[in-house]
Amino acid sequence: MSKEILLAAFLKAKNDSNSSKKTHQSQYISDVLWSKYKFKIDERTLRDYYNSYIKGEEHKELKPIVTKHLCKFLGYDDYEDFLKNKGDEKPLYSPPKRPKKINFVVLFLIGILCIVLYLGVDWKRKECMTWSEDHYELAICPKSFNPSFIPIDNERLKEFKKIKVDTNYTFFNDKGKAIVWYDKKEGKIEFFNKSGTHPTNGNSLKPVTQAIVRKYVFGEE
């Protein structure tokens, strides 16, 4: 069953991302699972699962939590919902089928609809978001896969920021819990106002500690 769920997820990613490359498809699945369900799994892990099934390694089953979120990615509430739909012999996932023949009236109506939409809709709708210096911005989704553009997450779009801190900044709440997160790479440290992953390198952000604040904000050794 894990094989069927995983292969269906890659098929959906192929159609949604318009890419035949497994790396792009697995990255698309990873991005959607994080942005919509806050479930983190890297694209390499997904590709490893996929390749194991292609090679016939049926013993390598998906972890239950991965199965659960792939079911959500496919449009099911959970694994039980998937089983129920399978019991009704509903397809796991398949692209919508186009009618073989379209008569003149239907074609004419489609043409009218296109004209109406062209006149009344901004065709430069912004359906993705991308990182810009210290915040996310709305962006037009590219036609081909680009890891710098991810599906819109309204909460992160409005609230997630890279912040500048100083010795007067409040790093902890009244209970001593961190309210600032950071990422440190090659001696360079960046601070953010929300938890999650770094918007450009994908690292998991860490909550600040007293030691980090003393060393990198107050300059203590």
N, C-alpha and C. Protein backbone atom coordinates (compact mmCIF):
# COMPACT_ATOMS: atom_id res chain seq x y z
N MET A 1 0.83 -1.21 0.00
CA MET A 1 0.00 0.00 0.00
C MET A 1 0.86 1.26 0.00
N SER A 2 2.03 1.20 0.72
CA SER A 2 2.92 2.35 0.73
C SER A 2 3.39 2.69 -0.67
N LYS A 3 3.69 1.65 -1.44
CA LYS A 3 4.16 1.86 -2.81
C LYS A 3 3.11 2.61 -3.62
N GLU A 4 1.86 2.21 -3.51
CA GLU A 4 0.79 2.82 -4.30
C GLU A 4 0.61 4.29 -3.92
N ILE A 5 0.67 4.58 -2.62
CA ILE A 5 0.52 5.95 -2.16
C ILE A 5 1.67 6.82 -2.65
N LEU A 6 2.90 6.30 -2.53
CA LEU A 6 4.08 7.08 -2.92
C LEU A 6 4.10 7.34 -4.43
N LEU A 7 3.83 6.30 -5.23
CA LEU A 7 3.84 6.48 -6.67
C LEU A 7 2.76 7.45 -7.13
N ALA A 8 1.61 7.40 -6.45
CA ALA A 8 0.53 8.34 -6.78
C ALA A 8 0.93 9.77 -6.43
N ALA A 9 1.67 9.93 -5.31
CA ALA A 9 2.12 11.27 -4.92
C ALA A 9 3.09 11.83 -5.96
N PHE A 10 3.99 10.98 -6.45
CA PHE A 10 4.93 11.45 -7.48
C PHE A 10 4.21 11.76 -8.79
N LEU A 11 3.18 10.98 -9.10
CA LEU A 11 2.41 11.27 -10.31
C LEU A 11 1.72 12.62 -10.21
N LYS A 12 1.15 12.89 -9.03
CA LYS A 12 0.49 14.19 -8.81
C LYS A 12 1.52 15.33 -8.90
N ALA A 13 2.69 15.12 -8.28
CA ALA A 13 3.73 16.15 -8.31
C ALA A 13 4.21 16.39 -9.74
N LYS A 14 4.27 15.33 -10.53
CA LYS A 14 4.70 15.48 -11.93
C LYS A 14 3.73 16.38 -12.68
N ASN A 15 2.45 16.17 -12.49
CA ASN A 15 1.43 16.97 -13.18
C ASN A 15 1.36 18.39 -12.63
N ASP A 16 1.45 18.52 -11.29
CA ASP A 16 1.32 19.85 -10.69
C ASP A 16 2.53 20.73 -10.98
N SER A 17 3.73 20.13 -10.96
CA SER A 17 4.95 20.91 -11.16
C SER A 17 5.36 20.99 -12.62
N ASN A 18 4.68 20.19 -13.45
CA ASN A 18 4.99 20.16 -14.89
C ASN A 18 6.46 19.82 -15.12
N SER A 19 6.97 18.88 -14.33
CA SER A 19 8.37 18.46 -14.48
C SER A 19 8.44 16.93 -14.44
N SER A 20 9.26 16.37 -15.32
CA SER A 20 9.44 14.93 -15.36
C SER A 20 10.62 14.46 -14.53
N LYS A 21 11.34 15.40 -13.92
CA LYS A 21 12.50 15.06 -13.11
C LYS A 21 12.08 14.69 -11.69
N LYS A 22 12.54 13.53 -11.24
CA LYS A 22 12.16 13.06 -9.91
C LYS A 22 12.66 13.99 -8.81
N THR A 23 13.81 14.64 -9.03
CA THR A 23 14.31 15.59 -8.04
C THR A 23 13.34 16.75 -7.87
N HIS A 24 12.82 17.26 -8.98
CA HIS A 24 11.86 18.36 -8.92
C HIS A 24 10.55 17.91 -8.28
N GLN A 25 10.12 16.70 -8.63
CA GLN A 25 8.86 16.20 -8.10
C GLN A 25 8.95 16.00 -6.58
N SER A 26 10.06 15.40 -6.13
CA SER A 26 10.21 15.16 -4.69
C SER A 26 10.35 16.48 -3.93
N GLN A 27 11.01 17.48 -4.54
CA GLN A 27 11.13 18.79 -3.90
C GLN A 27 9.77 19.47 -3.81
N TYR A 28 8.96 19.29 -4.85
CA TYR A 28 7.60 19.87 -4.85
C TYR A 28 6.77 19.27 -3.72
N ILE A 29 6.83 17.93 -3.59
CA ILE A 29 6.09 17.27 -2.51
C ILE A 29 6.56 17.79 -1.16
N SER A 30 7.89 17.88 -1.00
CA SER A 30 8.46 18.36 0.26
C SER A 30 8.00 19.78 0.58
N ASP A 31 8.00 20.66 -0.44
CA ASP A 31 7.58 22.05 -0.21
C ASP A 31 6.11 22.14 0.18
N VAL A 32 5.25 21.37 -0.51
CA VAL A 32 3.82 21.42 -0.22
C VAL A 32 3.53 20.87 1.17
N LEU A 33 4.18 19.77 1.55
CA LEU A 33 3.95 19.18 2.87
C LEU A 33 4.35 20.15 3.97
N TRP A 34 5.41 20.92 3.74
CA TRP A 34 5.83 21.88 4.76
C TRP A 34 4.91 23.10 4.78
N SER A 35 4.64 23.67 3.60
CA SER A 35 3.88 24.92 3.56
C SER A 35 2.42 24.73 3.97
N LYS A 36 1.82 23.59 3.64
CA LYS A 36 0.40 23.38 3.94
C LYS A 36 0.17 22.66 5.26
N TYR A 37 1.06 21.73 5.61
CA TYR A 37 0.79 20.88 6.78
C TYR A 37 1.89 20.96 7.84
N LYS A 38 2.93 21.80 7.59
CA LYS A 38 4.04 21.94 8.53
C LYS A 38 4.70 20.59 8.84
N PHE A 39 4.73 19.72 7.84
CA PHE A 39 5.41 18.44 7.99
C PHE A 39 6.69 18.49 7.17
N LYS A 40 7.84 18.30 7.83
CA LYS A 40 9.13 18.43 7.16
C LYS A 40 9.69 17.06 6.78
N ILE A 41 9.95 16.87 5.51
CA ILE A 41 10.66 15.70 5.00
C ILE A 41 11.43 16.17 3.77
N ASP A 42 12.73 15.88 3.74
CA ASP A 42 13.51 16.42 2.63
C ASP A 42 13.30 15.61 1.36
N GLU A 43 13.61 16.25 0.23
CA GLU A 43 13.35 15.62 -1.06
C GLU A 43 14.19 14.38 -1.27
N ARG A 44 15.38 14.31 -0.67
CA ARG A 44 16.25 13.14 -0.83
C ARG A 44 15.61 11.90 -0.21
N THR A 45 15.00 12.07 0.95
CA THR A 45 14.33 10.95 1.61
C THR A 45 13.19 10.42 0.74
N LEU A 46 12.42 11.34 0.17
CA LEU A 46 11.32 10.93 -0.71
C LEU A 46 11.84 10.18 -1.93
N ARG A 47 12.94 10.68 -2.51
CA ARG A 47 13.52 10.00 -3.68
C ARG A 47 14.06 8.63 -3.31
N ASP A 48 14.63 8.49 -2.11
CA ASP A 48 15.13 7.19 -1.66
C ASP A 48 13.99 6.19 -1.56
N TYR A 49 12.85 6.63 -1.00
CA TYR A 49 11.68 5.75 -0.94
C TYR A 49 11.26 5.35 -2.35
N TYR A 50 11.18 6.34 -3.23
CA TYR A 50 10.73 6.08 -4.60
C TYR A 50 11.67 5.09 -5.29
N ASN A 51 12.97 5.33 -5.20
CA ASN A 51 13.94 4.46 -5.88
C ASN A 51 13.92 3.04 -5.33
N SER A 52 13.66 2.91 -4.01
CA SER A 52 13.62 1.57 -3.42
C SER A 52 12.47 0.76 -3.99
N TYR A 53 11.32 1.42 -4.24
CA TYR A 53 10.19 0.71 -4.83
C TYR A 53 10.45 0.36 -6.29
N ILE A 54 11.08 1.28 -7.02
CA ILE A 54 11.39 1.02 -8.41
C ILE A 54 12.34 -0.17 -8.54
N LYS A 55 13.25 -0.30 -7.56
CA LYS A 55 14.21 -1.41 -7.59
C LYS A 55 13.62 -2.70 -7.03
N GLY A 56 12.38 -2.64 -6.58
CA GLY A 56 11.73 -3.85 -6.08
C GLY A 56 11.98 -4.13 -4.62
N GLU A 57 12.47 -3.13 -3.87
CA GLU A 57 12.72 -3.32 -2.45
C GLU A 57 11.43 -3.07 -1.67
N GLU A 58 10.51 -3.98 -1.81
CA GLU A 58 9.16 -3.81 -1.23
C GLU A 58 9.17 -3.76 0.29
N HIS A 59 10.27 -4.24 0.90
CA HIS A 59 10.30 -4.29 2.36
C HIS A 59 10.48 -2.91 3.00
N LYS A 60 10.88 -1.94 2.20
CA LYS A 60 11.12 -0.60 2.74
C LYS A 60 9.82 0.18 2.76
N GLU A 61 9.06 0.01 3.82
CA GLU A 61 7.75 0.65 3.94
C GLU A 61 7.88 2.09 4.41
N LEU A 62 6.92 2.92 4.01
CA LEU A 62 6.88 4.29 4.50
C LEU A 62 6.57 4.31 5.99
N LYS A 63 7.14 5.29 6.69
CA LYS A 63 6.78 5.48 8.09
C LYS A 63 5.31 5.94 8.15
N PRO A 64 4.59 5.54 9.20
CA PRO A 64 3.17 5.90 9.30
C PRO A 64 2.91 7.40 9.15
N ILE A 65 3.78 8.24 9.75
CA ILE A 65 3.54 9.67 9.67
C ILE A 65 3.77 10.19 8.25
N VAL A 66 4.69 9.55 7.51
CA VAL A 66 4.90 9.93 6.11
C VAL A 66 3.69 9.53 5.28
N THR A 67 3.19 8.30 5.53
CA THR A 67 2.00 7.83 4.83
C THR A 67 0.82 8.77 5.07
N LYS A 68 0.65 9.18 6.31
CA LYS A 68 -0.46 10.07 6.67
C LYS A 68 -0.41 11.37 5.88
N HIS A 69 0.77 11.99 5.80
CA HIS A 69 0.86 13.28 5.13
C HIS A 69 0.85 13.15 3.61
N LEU A 70 1.31 12.02 3.09
CA LEU A 70 1.18 11.82 1.65
C LEU A 70 -0.29 11.64 1.26
N CYS A 71 -1.06 11.02 2.16
CA CYS A 71 -2.51 10.91 1.92
C CYS A 71 -3.13 12.31 1.86
N LYS A 72 -2.69 13.21 2.76
CA LYS A 72 -3.19 14.58 2.72
C LYS A 72 -2.78 15.27 1.42
N PHE A 73 -1.55 15.05 1.00
CA PHE A 73 -1.06 15.62 -0.25
C PHE A 73 -1.93 15.18 -1.43
N LEU A 74 -2.44 13.94 -1.35
CA LEU A 74 -3.27 13.38 -2.43
C LEU A 74 -4.73 13.77 -2.32
N GLY A 75 -5.10 14.46 -1.22
CA GLY A 75 -6.47 14.92 -1.10
C GLY A 75 -7.32 14.10 -0.15
N TYR A 76 -6.70 13.17 0.59
CA TYR A 76 -7.43 12.37 1.57
C TYR A 76 -7.20 12.94 2.96
N ASP A 77 -8.16 12.76 3.85
CA ASP A 77 -8.02 13.26 5.21
C ASP A 77 -6.91 12.53 5.95
N ASP A 78 -6.86 11.23 5.80
CA ASP A 78 -5.85 10.42 6.46
C ASP A 78 -5.83 9.04 5.80
N TYR A 79 -5.07 8.12 6.41
CA TYR A 79 -4.93 6.80 5.83
C TYR A 79 -6.25 6.03 5.84
N GLU A 80 -7.06 6.24 6.90
CA GLU A 80 -8.35 5.57 6.97
C GLU A 80 -9.26 6.05 5.84
N ASP A 81 -9.21 7.34 5.56
CA ASP A 81 -10.00 7.88 4.45
C ASP A 81 -9.53 7.29 3.12
N PHE A 82 -8.24 7.12 3.00
CA PHE A 82 -7.70 6.48 1.80
C PHE A 82 -8.23 5.06 1.65
N LEU A 83 -8.21 4.30 2.76
CA LEU A 83 -8.69 2.92 2.72
C LEU A 83 -10.17 2.87 2.36
N LYS A 84 -10.95 3.81 2.90
CA LYS A 84 -12.37 3.83 2.62
C LYS A 84 -12.62 4.10 1.14
N ASN A 85 -11.89 5.04 0.60
CA ASN A 85 -12.03 5.36 -0.82
C ASN A 85 -11.57 4.20 -1.70
N LYS A 86 -10.54 3.52 -1.27
CA LYS A 86 -10.09 2.36 -2.02
C LYS A 86 -11.15 1.27 -1.99
N GLY A 87 -11.83 1.19 -0.85
CA GLY A 87 -12.89 0.20 -0.75
C GLY A 87 -14.03 0.49 -1.71
N ASP A 88 -14.22 1.81 -2.00
CA ASP A 88 -15.24 2.20 -2.96
C ASP A 88 -14.73 2.17 -4.39
N GLU A 89 -13.49 1.69 -4.52
CA GLU A 89 -12.83 1.58 -5.82
C GLU A 89 -12.68 2.94 -6.50
N LYS A 90 -12.36 3.95 -5.67
CA LYS A 90 -12.08 5.26 -6.24
C LYS A 90 -10.60 5.33 -6.58
N PRO A 91 -10.25 5.98 -7.66
CA PRO A 91 -8.84 6.04 -8.02
C PRO A 91 -8.07 6.86 -7.01
N LEU A 92 -6.82 6.44 -6.70
CA LEU A 92 -6.00 7.17 -5.77
C LEU A 92 -5.67 8.56 -6.29
N TYR A 93 -5.21 8.60 -7.54
CA TYR A 93 -4.98 9.89 -8.17
C TYR A 93 -4.83 9.68 -9.66
N SER A 94 -5.48 10.48 -10.41
CA SER A 94 -5.31 10.45 -11.86
C SER A 94 -5.67 11.81 -12.41
N PRO A 95 -4.96 12.27 -13.43
CA PRO A 95 -5.27 13.58 -14.01
C PRO A 95 -6.66 13.57 -14.62
N PRO A 96 -7.33 14.71 -14.62
CA PRO A 96 -8.67 14.76 -15.23
C PRO A 96 -8.60 14.40 -16.71
N LYS A 97 -9.56 13.60 -17.15
CA LYS A 97 -9.59 13.18 -18.55
C LYS A 97 -10.31 14.23 -19.39
N ARG A 98 -9.75 14.49 -20.54
CA ARG A 98 -10.37 15.43 -21.46
C ARG A 98 -11.38 14.71 -22.35
N PRO A 99 -12.46 15.34 -22.63
CA PRO A 99 -13.43 14.71 -23.54
C PRO A 99 -12.80 14.52 -24.91
N LYS A 100 -13.17 13.45 -25.55
CA LYS A 100 -12.59 13.15 -26.86
C LYS A 100 -13.10 14.10 -27.93
N LYS A 101 -14.35 14.55 -27.81
CA LYS A 101 -14.92 15.42 -28.82
C LYS A 101 -15.58 16.63 -28.16
N ILE A 102 -15.37 17.77 -28.76
CA ILE A 102 -16.02 18.99 -28.28
C ILE A 102 -16.81 19.58 -29.44
N ASN A 103 -18.10 19.74 -29.26
CA ASN A 103 -18.89 20.26 -30.38
C ASN A 103 -18.71 21.77 -30.51
N PHE A 104 -19.22 22.32 -31.60
CA PHE A 104 -19.00 23.73 -31.92
C PHE A 104 -19.56 24.66 -30.85
N VAL A 105 -20.73 24.32 -30.29
CA VAL A 105 -21.35 25.18 -29.28
C VAL A 105 -20.48 25.27 -28.04
N VAL A 106 -19.98 24.13 -27.61
CA VAL A 106 -19.11 24.12 -26.42
C VAL A 106 -17.86 24.93 -26.69
N LEU A 107 -17.27 24.76 -27.88
CA LEU A 107 -16.07 25.49 -28.24
C LEU A 107 -16.33 26.99 -28.26
N PHE A 108 -17.50 27.37 -28.77
CA PHE A 108 -17.87 28.79 -28.82
C PHE A 108 -18.00 29.37 -27.42
N LEU A 109 -18.66 28.61 -26.53
CA LEU A 109 -18.83 29.08 -25.15
C LEU A 109 -17.50 29.21 -24.43
N ILE A 110 -16.59 28.29 -24.69
CA ILE A 110 -15.26 28.37 -24.09
C ILE A 110 -14.55 29.64 -24.56
N GLY A 111 -14.71 29.94 -25.87
CA GLY A 111 -14.10 31.16 -26.41
C GLY A 111 -14.63 32.41 -25.74
N ILE A 112 -15.96 32.46 -25.55
CA ILE A 112 -16.58 33.61 -24.88
C ILE A 112 -16.06 33.74 -23.46
N LEU A 113 -15.97 32.60 -22.75
CA LEU A 113 -15.49 32.61 -21.38
C LEU A 113 -14.06 33.13 -21.31
N CYS A 114 -13.22 32.72 -22.24
CA CYS A 114 -11.83 33.18 -22.27
C CYS A 114 -11.76 34.70 -22.44
N ILE A 115 -12.62 35.23 -23.31
CA ILE A 115 -12.63 36.68 -23.54
C ILE A 115 -13.04 37.42 -22.27
N VAL A 116 -14.09 36.91 -21.60
CA VAL A 116 -14.56 37.53 -20.37
C VAL A 116 -13.47 37.52 -19.31
N LEU A 117 -12.82 36.37 -19.17
CA LEU A 117 -11.76 36.26 -18.17
C LEU A 117 -10.59 37.16 -18.52
N TYR A 118 -10.26 37.25 -19.80
CA TYR A 118 -9.14 38.09 -20.21
C TYR A 118 -9.39 39.55 -19.89
N LEU A 119 -10.66 39.98 -20.05
CA LEU A 119 -10.99 41.37 -19.80
C LEU A 119 -11.17 41.68 -18.33
N GLY A 120 -11.57 40.66 -17.54
CA GLY A 120 -11.93 40.93 -16.15
C GLY A 120 -11.00 40.38 -15.10
N VAL A 121 -9.96 39.68 -15.50
CA VAL A 121 -9.08 39.04 -14.52
C VAL A 121 -7.64 39.45 -14.79
N ASP A 122 -6.93 39.74 -13.76
CA ASP A 122 -5.50 40.03 -13.89
C ASP A 122 -4.77 38.70 -14.09
N TRP A 123 -4.24 38.51 -15.31
CA TRP A 123 -3.59 37.22 -15.60
C TRP A 123 -2.23 37.10 -14.93
N LYS A 124 -1.78 38.15 -14.28
CA LYS A 124 -0.52 38.06 -13.54
C LYS A 124 -0.81 37.81 -12.07
N ARG A 125 -1.74 36.90 -11.83
CA ARG A 125 -2.05 36.55 -10.44
C ARG A 125 -0.80 36.03 -9.75
N LYS A 126 -0.63 36.39 -8.51
CA LYS A 126 0.53 35.95 -7.76
C LYS A 126 0.12 34.79 -6.86
N GLU A 127 0.56 33.60 -7.21
CA GLU A 127 0.13 32.41 -6.49
C GLU A 127 1.26 31.77 -5.69
N CYS A 128 2.48 32.27 -5.80
CA CYS A 128 3.61 31.73 -5.07
C CYS A 128 4.18 32.83 -4.17
N MET A 129 5.19 32.46 -3.39
CA MET A 129 5.92 33.47 -2.65
C MET A 129 7.40 33.13 -2.71
N THR A 130 8.22 34.16 -2.56
CA THR A 130 9.66 33.99 -2.62
C THR A 130 10.31 34.90 -1.59
N TRP A 131 11.50 34.52 -1.14
CA TRP A 131 12.18 35.27 -0.08
C TRP A 131 12.87 36.49 -0.67
N SER A 132 12.71 37.65 0.01
CA SER A 132 13.33 38.88 -0.44
C SER A 132 13.99 39.57 0.75
N GLU A 133 15.28 39.39 0.90
CA GLU A 133 16.12 40.01 1.94
C GLU A 133 15.72 39.62 3.35
N ASP A 134 14.55 40.07 3.83
CA ASP A 134 14.18 39.77 5.21
C ASP A 134 12.72 39.36 5.37
N HIS A 135 12.04 39.07 4.24
CA HIS A 135 10.63 38.70 4.34
C HIS A 135 10.21 37.98 3.05
N TYR A 136 9.05 37.33 3.11
CA TYR A 136 8.48 36.70 1.93
C TYR A 136 7.63 37.70 1.16
N GLU A 137 7.65 37.58 -0.17
CA GLU A 137 6.82 38.41 -1.03
C GLU A 137 6.02 37.54 -1.98
N LEU A 138 4.84 38.03 -2.35
CA LEU A 138 4.05 37.35 -3.37
C LEU A 138 4.82 37.36 -4.69
N ALA A 139 4.68 36.28 -5.45
CA ALA A 139 5.40 36.19 -6.72
C ALA A 139 4.59 35.37 -7.71
N ILE A 140 4.83 35.62 -8.97
CA ILE A 140 4.19 34.83 -10.01
C ILE A 140 4.89 33.49 -10.10
N CYS A 141 4.15 32.41 -10.02
CA CYS A 141 4.75 31.09 -10.08
C CYS A 141 5.44 30.88 -11.43
N PRO A 142 6.68 30.43 -11.43
CA PRO A 142 7.38 30.19 -12.70
C PRO A 142 6.79 29.00 -13.43
N LYS A 143 6.98 28.97 -14.74
CA LYS A 143 6.44 27.87 -15.54
C LYS A 143 7.19 26.57 -15.27
N SER A 144 8.49 26.66 -14.99
CA SER A 144 9.27 25.47 -14.67
C SER A 144 9.68 25.51 -13.21
N PHE A 145 10.11 24.38 -12.69
CA PHE A 145 10.42 24.27 -11.26
C PHE A 145 11.56 25.20 -10.87
N ASN A 146 11.37 25.92 -9.78
CA ASN A 146 12.40 26.79 -9.22
C ASN A 146 12.26 26.74 -7.71
N PRO A 147 13.27 26.20 -7.01
CA PRO A 147 13.16 26.04 -5.55
C PRO A 147 13.03 27.34 -4.78
N SER A 148 13.32 28.48 -5.44
CA SER A 148 13.19 29.77 -4.76
C SER A 148 11.74 30.22 -4.64
N PHE A 149 10.85 29.56 -5.39
CA PHE A 149 9.43 29.89 -5.34
C PHE A 149 8.68 28.74 -4.70
N ILE A 150 7.88 29.03 -3.69
CA ILE A 150 7.14 28.00 -2.98
C ILE A 150 5.67 28.40 -2.90
N PRO A 151 4.78 27.41 -2.70
CA PRO A 151 3.35 27.73 -2.57
C PRO A 151 3.09 28.71 -1.42
N ILE A 152 2.07 29.51 -1.57
CA ILE A 152 1.77 30.53 -0.57
C ILE A 152 1.41 29.90 0.77
N ASP A 153 2.04 30.39 1.82
CA ASP A 153 1.67 30.09 3.19
C ASP A 153 1.34 31.44 3.82
N ASN A 154 0.05 31.74 3.95
CA ASN A 154 -0.37 33.08 4.36
C ASN A 154 0.21 33.51 5.70
N GLU A 155 0.32 32.56 6.63
CA GLU A 155 0.86 32.92 7.94
C GLU A 155 2.33 33.35 7.83
N ARG A 156 3.13 32.55 7.12
CA ARG A 156 4.55 32.90 6.97
C ARG A 156 4.71 34.15 6.09
N LEU A 157 3.85 34.30 5.11
CA LEU A 157 3.92 35.47 4.23
C LEU A 157 3.73 36.76 5.03
N LYS A 158 2.79 36.74 5.99
CA LYS A 158 2.46 37.95 6.73
C LYS A 158 3.38 38.16 7.94
N GLU A 159 3.84 37.07 8.56
CA GLU A 159 4.47 37.23 9.88
C GLU A 159 5.95 36.86 9.93
N PHE A 160 6.42 35.96 9.08
CA PHE A 160 7.79 35.47 9.20
C PHE A 160 8.78 36.53 8.69
N LYS A 161 9.75 36.93 9.55
CA LYS A 161 10.72 37.97 9.19
C LYS A 161 12.11 37.61 9.72
N LYS A 162 13.12 38.07 8.97
CA LYS A 162 14.48 38.10 9.53
C LYS A 162 14.60 39.42 10.27
N ILE A 163 15.14 39.40 11.47
CA ILE A 163 15.13 40.60 12.30
C ILE A 163 16.55 41.03 12.67
N LYS A 164 16.68 42.33 12.93
CA LYS A 164 17.92 42.87 13.44
C LYS A 164 17.76 43.06 14.95
N VAL A 165 18.69 42.56 15.70
CA VAL A 165 18.58 42.60 17.16
C VAL A 165 19.72 43.44 17.74
N ASP A 166 19.50 43.92 18.97
CA ASP A 166 20.55 44.62 19.70
C ASP A 166 20.40 44.29 21.17
N THR A 167 21.16 44.93 22.00
CA THR A 167 21.15 44.62 23.44
C THR A 167 19.83 44.98 24.12
N ASN A 168 18.99 45.76 23.46
CA ASN A 168 17.71 46.15 24.04
C ASN A 168 16.56 45.25 23.57
N TYR A 169 16.88 44.32 22.70
CA TYR A 169 15.84 43.47 22.12
C TYR A 169 15.36 42.44 23.15
N THR A 170 14.06 42.08 23.09
CA THR A 170 13.50 41.07 24.00
C THR A 170 13.59 39.70 23.33
N PHE A 171 14.40 38.82 23.90
CA PHE A 171 14.63 37.50 23.32
C PHE A 171 13.80 36.40 23.98
N PHE A 172 13.28 36.67 25.18
CA PHE A 172 12.55 35.65 25.93
C PHE A 172 11.28 36.26 26.52
N ASN A 173 10.24 35.42 26.66
CA ASN A 173 9.01 35.92 27.27
C ASN A 173 9.12 35.88 28.79
N ASP A 174 8.03 36.20 29.46
CA ASP A 174 8.05 36.29 30.93
C ASP A 174 8.39 34.96 31.60
N LYS A 175 8.15 33.86 30.87
CA LYS A 175 8.44 32.54 31.43
C LYS A 175 9.82 32.04 31.03
N GLY A 176 10.58 32.87 30.38
CA GLY A 176 11.93 32.50 29.99
C GLY A 176 12.01 31.69 28.71
N LYS A 177 10.89 31.61 27.98
CA LYS A 177 10.89 30.84 26.74
C LYS A 177 11.31 31.73 25.57
N ALA A 178 12.15 31.16 24.70
CA ALA A 178 12.67 31.92 23.57
C ALA A 178 11.55 32.36 22.63
N ILE A 179 11.63 33.62 22.19
CA ILE A 179 10.68 34.13 21.20
C ILE A 179 11.43 34.62 19.96
N VAL A 180 12.70 34.26 19.89
CA VAL A 180 13.54 34.56 18.74
C VAL A 180 14.26 33.29 18.34
N TRP A 181 14.42 33.08 17.03
CA TRP A 181 15.11 31.88 16.53
C TRP A 181 16.30 32.31 15.67
N TYR A 182 17.26 31.39 15.52
CA TYR A 182 18.46 31.79 14.79
C TYR A 182 18.99 30.64 13.93
N ASP A 183 19.86 31.03 13.00
CA ASP A 183 20.60 30.06 12.19
C ASP A 183 22.04 30.56 12.11
N LYS A 184 23.00 29.67 12.31
CA LYS A 184 24.41 30.05 12.27
C LYS A 184 25.13 29.17 11.27
N LYS A 185 25.82 29.80 10.33
CA LYS A 185 26.55 29.07 9.32
C LYS A 185 27.85 29.80 9.02
N GLU A 186 28.95 29.05 9.12
CA GLU A 186 30.27 29.60 8.84
C GLU A 186 30.52 30.89 9.63
N GLY A 187 30.14 30.88 10.89
CA GLY A 187 30.38 32.01 11.77
C GLY A 187 29.40 33.16 11.63
N LYS A 188 28.51 33.09 10.63
CA LYS A 188 27.52 34.14 10.43
C LYS A 188 26.20 33.73 11.05
N ILE A 189 25.61 34.62 11.83
CA ILE A 189 24.36 34.28 12.51
C ILE A 189 23.25 35.22 12.05
N GLU A 190 22.05 34.64 11.89
CA GLU A 190 20.88 35.40 11.49
C GLU A 190 19.75 35.10 12.47
N PHE A 191 18.95 36.11 12.78
CA PHE A 191 17.86 35.96 13.73
C PHE A 191 16.51 36.13 13.03
N PHE A 192 15.51 35.36 13.51
CA PHE A 192 14.18 35.38 12.93
C PHE A 192 13.13 35.47 14.03
N ASN A 193 11.96 36.00 13.69
CA ASN A 193 10.92 36.20 14.70
C ASN A 193 9.99 34.99 14.85
N LYS A 194 10.16 33.97 14.00
CA LYS A 194 9.32 32.79 14.06
C LYS A 194 10.17 31.54 13.88
N SER A 195 9.65 30.40 14.33
CA SER A 195 10.35 29.13 14.13
C SER A 195 10.08 28.64 12.72
N GLY A 196 10.75 27.56 12.35
CA GLY A 196 10.55 26.99 11.02
C GLY A 196 11.88 26.66 10.37
N THR A 197 11.98 26.83 9.07
CA THR A 197 13.22 26.56 8.36
C THR A 197 13.76 27.85 7.75
N HIS A 198 15.06 27.87 7.58
CA HIS A 198 15.70 29.03 6.96
C HIS A 198 15.18 29.17 5.53
N PRO A 199 14.79 30.36 5.11
CA PRO A 199 14.15 30.52 3.80
C PRO A 199 15.04 30.27 2.59
N THR A 200 16.36 30.25 2.77
CA THR A 200 17.23 30.04 1.61
C THR A 200 18.07 28.77 1.68
N ASN A 201 18.50 28.38 2.90
CA ASN A 201 19.34 27.18 2.97
C ASN A 201 18.62 25.95 3.51
N GLY A 202 17.38 26.12 3.99
CA GLY A 202 16.58 24.98 4.43
C GLY A 202 16.91 24.45 5.81
N ASN A 203 17.86 25.07 6.52
CA ASN A 203 18.20 24.61 7.87
C ASN A 203 17.05 24.86 8.85
N SER A 204 16.90 23.96 9.81
CA SER A 204 15.90 24.17 10.85
C SER A 204 16.38 25.26 11.80
N LEU A 205 15.55 26.27 12.02
CA LEU A 205 15.92 27.36 12.93
C LEU A 205 15.89 26.87 14.37
N LYS A 206 16.80 27.40 15.18
CA LYS A 206 16.90 26.99 16.59
C LYS A 206 16.48 28.15 17.49
N PRO A 207 15.84 27.84 18.61
CA PRO A 207 15.50 28.92 19.56
C PRO A 207 16.77 29.46 20.20
N VAL A 208 16.82 30.77 20.40
CA VAL A 208 18.02 31.36 20.99
C VAL A 208 18.19 30.89 22.43
N THR A 209 19.42 30.91 22.87
CA THR A 209 19.75 30.58 24.25
C THR A 209 20.45 31.78 24.87
N GLN A 210 20.59 31.75 26.17
CA GLN A 210 21.31 32.82 26.86
C GLN A 210 22.74 32.92 26.35
N ALA A 211 23.35 31.76 26.07
CA ALA A 211 24.73 31.75 25.60
C ALA A 211 24.85 32.42 24.23
N ILE A 212 23.89 32.13 23.34
CA ILE A 212 23.91 32.76 22.01
C ILE A 212 23.75 34.27 22.12
N VAL A 213 22.84 34.71 22.95
CA VAL A 213 22.60 36.15 23.12
C VAL A 213 23.83 36.84 23.68
N ARG A 214 24.43 36.24 24.71
CA ARG A 214 25.61 36.87 25.32
C ARG A 214 26.77 36.98 24.34
N LYS A 215 26.98 35.93 23.54
CA LYS A 215 28.12 35.90 22.63
C LYS A 215 27.91 36.75 21.39
N TYR A 216 26.75 36.62 20.75
CA TYR A 216 26.57 37.25 19.44
C TYR A 216 25.85 38.59 19.50
N VAL A 217 25.20 38.90 20.62
CA VAL A 217 24.53 40.19 20.74
C VAL A 217 25.32 41.13 21.65
N PHE A 218 25.72 40.62 22.83
CA PHE A 218 26.46 41.43 23.78
C PHE A 218 27.97 41.38 23.56
N GLY A 219 28.41 40.42 22.72
CA GLY A 219 29.84 40.34 22.39
C GLY A 219 30.70 39.76 23.47
N GLU A 220 30.08 39.00 24.39
CA GLU A 220 30.87 38.39 25.46
C GLU A 220 31.59 37.15 24.94
N GLU A 221 32.73 36.88 25.46
CA GLU A 221 33.50 35.69 25.06
C GLU A 221 33.16 34.53 25.97
